[in-house]
Amino acid sequence: MNDKTMVADTLTGINGELVRFGEMISQTENQQLKQTLKQMRNQCEMSQEEIYRIARERGYYVPASMATKEEVDHVRQVVGKE
């Protein structure tokens, strides 16, 4: 397995964990557990950002181009957030 594949697999795994943390946080009523899950999610987000930075630096990931003002305005109009 090469570095690019390992980085991509790691990002995929972390992104899945972030989704699961969000689900768990919203479903628990125990405030202590909720706070612990939020801390774990924050640590996971920091890891994701670090791996993403490495992927960009090594050319493993090229982000999509920035949306134009018109595209952003269109999305806002569609979702009713003007």
C-alpha atoms as a PDB file:
ATOM      1  CA  MET A   1       0.000   0.000   0.000  1.00  0.00           C
ATOM      2  CA  ASN A   2       1.405   3.415  -0.903  1.00  0.00           C
ATOM      3  CA  ASP A   3       1.365   6.670   1.080  1.00  0.00           C
ATOM      4  CA  LYS A   4      -1.385   8.233  -1.029  1.00  0.00           C
ATOM      5  CA  THR A   5      -3.718   5.289  -0.408  1.00  0.00           C
ATOM      6  CA  MET A   6      -3.000   5.279   3.316  1.00  0.00           C
ATOM      7  CA  VAL A   7      -3.680   9.023   3.607  1.00  0.00           C
ATOM      8  CA  ALA A   8      -6.932   8.678   1.643  1.00  0.00           C
ATOM      9  CA  ASP A   9      -8.057   5.734   3.769  1.00  0.00           C
ATOM     10  CA  THR A  10      -7.209   7.634   6.954  1.00  0.00           C
ATOM     11  CA  LEU A  11      -9.226  10.669   5.839  1.00  0.00           C
ATOM     12  CA  THR A  12     -12.169   8.455   4.933  1.00  0.00           C
ATOM     13  CA  GLY A  13     -12.061   6.804   8.345  1.00  0.00           C
ATOM     14  CA  ILE A  14     -11.788  10.089  10.219  1.00  0.00           C
ATOM     15  CA  ASN A  15     -14.654  11.607   8.238  1.00  0.00           C
ATOM     16  CA  GLY A  16     -16.815   8.612   9.146  1.00  0.00           C
ATOM     17  CA  GLU A  17     -15.915   9.038  12.811  1.00  0.00           C
ATOM     18  CA  LEU A  18     -16.908  12.700  12.672  1.00  0.00           C
ATOM     19  CA  VAL A  19     -20.333  11.732  11.310  1.00  0.00           C
ATOM     20  CA  ARG A  20     -20.804   9.170  14.070  1.00  0.00           C
ATOM     21  CA  PHE A  21     -19.739  11.645  16.772  1.00  0.00           C
ATOM     22  CA  GLY A  22     -22.335  14.109  15.476  1.00  0.00           C
ATOM     23  CA  GLU A  23     -25.015  11.431  15.618  1.00  0.00           C
ATOM     24  CA  MET A  24     -24.069  10.357  19.142  1.00  0.00           C
ATOM     25  CA  ILE A  25     -23.866  13.922  20.462  1.00  0.00           C
ATOM     26  CA  SER A  26     -27.335  14.764  19.209  1.00  0.00           C
ATOM     27  CA  GLN A  27     -28.848  11.573  20.617  1.00  0.00           C
ATOM     28  CA  THR A  28     -27.572  11.617  24.196  1.00  0.00           C
ATOM     29  CA  GLU A  29     -29.263  13.400  27.056  1.00  0.00           C
ATOM     30  CA  ASN A  30     -26.403  12.817  29.499  1.00  0.00           C
ATOM     31  CA  GLN A  31     -24.594  16.176  29.589  1.00  0.00           C
ATOM     32  CA  GLN A  32     -21.314  14.709  30.849  1.00  0.00           C
ATOM     33  CA  LEU A  33     -21.282  12.147  28.037  1.00  0.00           C
ATOM     34  CA  LYS A  34     -22.270  14.839  25.524  1.00  0.00           C
ATOM     35  CA  GLN A  35     -19.345  17.009  26.644  1.00  0.00           C
ATOM     36  CA  THR A  36     -16.918  14.074  26.439  1.00  0.00           C
ATOM     37  CA  LEU A  37     -18.132  13.231  22.935  1.00  0.00           C
ATOM     38  CA  LYS A  38     -17.703  16.866  21.870  1.00  0.00           C
ATOM     39  CA  GLN A  39     -14.114  16.837  23.145  1.00  0.00           C
ATOM     40  CA  MET A  40     -13.446  13.605  21.265  1.00  0.00           C
ATOM     41  CA  ARG A  41     -15.009  15.082  18.123  1.00  0.00           C
ATOM     42  CA  ASN A  42     -12.822  18.184  18.434  1.00  0.00           C
ATOM     43  CA  GLN A  43      -9.691  16.028  18.698  1.00  0.00           C
ATOM     44  CA  CYS A  44     -10.851  14.041  15.680  1.00  0.00           C
ATOM     45  CA  GLU A  45     -11.385  17.277  13.717  1.00  0.00           C
ATOM     46  CA  MET A  46      -7.853  18.410  14.551  1.00  0.00           C
ATOM     47  CA  SER A  47      -6.510  15.073  13.283  1.00  0.00           C
ATOM     48  CA  GLN A  48      -8.563  15.415  10.110  1.00  0.00           C
ATOM     49  CA  GLU A  49      -7.186  18.905   9.495  1.00  0.00           C
ATOM     50  CA  GLU A  50      -3.611  17.683   9.973  1.00  0.00           C
ATOM     51  CA  ILE A  51      -4.021  14.734   7.608  1.00  0.00           C
ATOM     52  CA  TYR A  52      -5.755  16.996   5.078  1.00  0.00           C
ATOM     53  CA  ARG A  53      -2.826  19.446   5.266  1.00  0.00           C
ATOM     54  CA  ILE A  54      -0.365  16.605   4.656  1.00  0.00           C
ATOM     55  CA  ALA A  55      -2.425  15.357   1.712  1.00  0.00           C
ATOM     56  CA  ARG A  56      -2.461  18.830   0.127  1.00  0.00           C
ATOM     57  CA  GLU A  57       1.263  19.374   0.700  1.00  0.00           C
ATOM     58  CA  ARG A  58       2.130  16.070  -0.958  1.00  0.00           C
ATOM     59  CA  GLY A  59      -0.256  16.621  -3.856  1.00  0.00           C
ATOM     60  CA  TYR A  60      -2.488  13.700  -2.858  1.00  0.00           C
ATOM     61  CA  TYR A  61      -5.534  15.949  -2.695  1.00  0.00           C
ATOM     62  CA  VAL A  62      -6.472  18.904  -4.854  1.00  0.00           C
ATOM     63  CA  PRO A  63      -9.547  20.745  -3.582  1.00  0.00           C
ATOM     64  CA  ALA A  64     -12.279  21.910  -5.912  1.00  0.00           C
ATOM     65  CA  SER A  65     -12.123  25.511  -7.034  1.00  0.00           C
ATOM     66  CA  MET A  66     -13.848  28.142  -4.930  1.00  0.00           C
ATOM     67  CA  ALA A  67     -17.513  28.764  -5.673  1.00  0.00           C
ATOM     68  CA  THR A  68     -18.318  31.999  -7.439  1.00  0.00           C
ATOM     69  CA  LYS A  69     -20.494  34.634  -5.797  1.00  0.00           C
ATOM     70  CA  GLU A  70     -23.267  33.701  -8.211  1.00  0.00           C
ATOM     71  CA  GLU A  71     -23.071  30.029  -7.213  1.00  0.00           C
ATOM     72  CA  VAL A  72     -23.171  30.917  -3.520  1.00  0.00           C
ATOM     73  CA  ASP A  73     -26.122  33.265  -4.089  1.00  0.00           C
ATOM     74  CA  HIS A  74     -27.960  30.538  -6.016  1.00  0.00           C
ATOM     75  CA  VAL A  75     -27.499  28.013  -3.206  1.00  0.00           C
ATOM     76  CA  ARG A  76     -28.664  30.570  -0.640  1.00  0.00           C
ATOM     77  CA  GLN A  77     -31.752  31.231  -2.736  1.00  0.00           C
ATOM     78  CA  VAL A  78     -32.496  27.504  -3.122  1.00  0.00           C
ATOM     79  CA  VAL A  79     -32.246  26.825   0.608  1.00  0.00           C
ATOM     80  CA  GLY A  80     -34.001  30.071   1.533  1.00  0.00           C
ATOM     81  CA  LYS A  81     -31.102  31.690   3.399  1.00  0.00           C
ATOM     82  CA  GLU A  82     -31.011  35.138   1.821  1.00  0.00           C
END
